[in-house]
């Protein structure tokens, strides 16, 4: 983001977005994007729509106080002429996705972000470049209690581009919906952490988790194996599940 980019971003702002305009002028460069803070609730649907088909993308999440951090970045296209990517969601959403396709969150009846960190899901459809990446995204970010599912999305068939999420290595589909015919018929089901724990218990495994380090140590008889995860998130449980045959031998 250079000076010309920032001026172009300001030109996209509606006349009523004076708070955002002022905040941009006080921002800083962070993670290859321009970052600034605004009071929670300042960004509305109309503001995101002003950027939706522009060369720039907005991203935001809540902080501990009454502010939210906003990132704006020039779009970096990951799949310029189509291709396939993968969407991770709760398994409970599968039936509605098969019926209606993928929608941005605000167009889903009774939608509510699960956590303030995921405010962007109201405005975007997020995807990953591989099944493995989408799987890790589910376990590391969506929580421990619910089963998940990974779906293949044919963005080429849907005629959509995928550009880089300003805050991660994953992508955002440049569309407000993806019709059901462009979603693969085979899905990867992801058991909940609670289900994995129960399966481990039935197989005589003793699991000890360290939330601060994200390490999961699995023991059986006198042997043990350690699985690495990120701090305070359960990604290590999926690695245990994938390796279950070797662990239980």
Foldseek 3Di string as FASTA:
>chain_A
DDPVVLVVLLVLAPPVLVQVNVQQVVWDQDLQWTKGKDFPPSDDPVSQVSCLPPQKHKDWFDDPDRMIMITMHGWDWDAPQWDKWKAKDFPVCVVVCLVFNDAQQCPDPPGDDPHRRPPCSNPWGWTAHDPVVNLLCCQFPVDFDTKMKMKMFGVNVQVWIWTADSVDRTTTTSDRGGGNVRIDPDMDIGHGLVVLVVVCVVLQWDWDADQQFQKIWIDHDHDIDIFGDHHRTNSSSVVCVVCVVVVSD
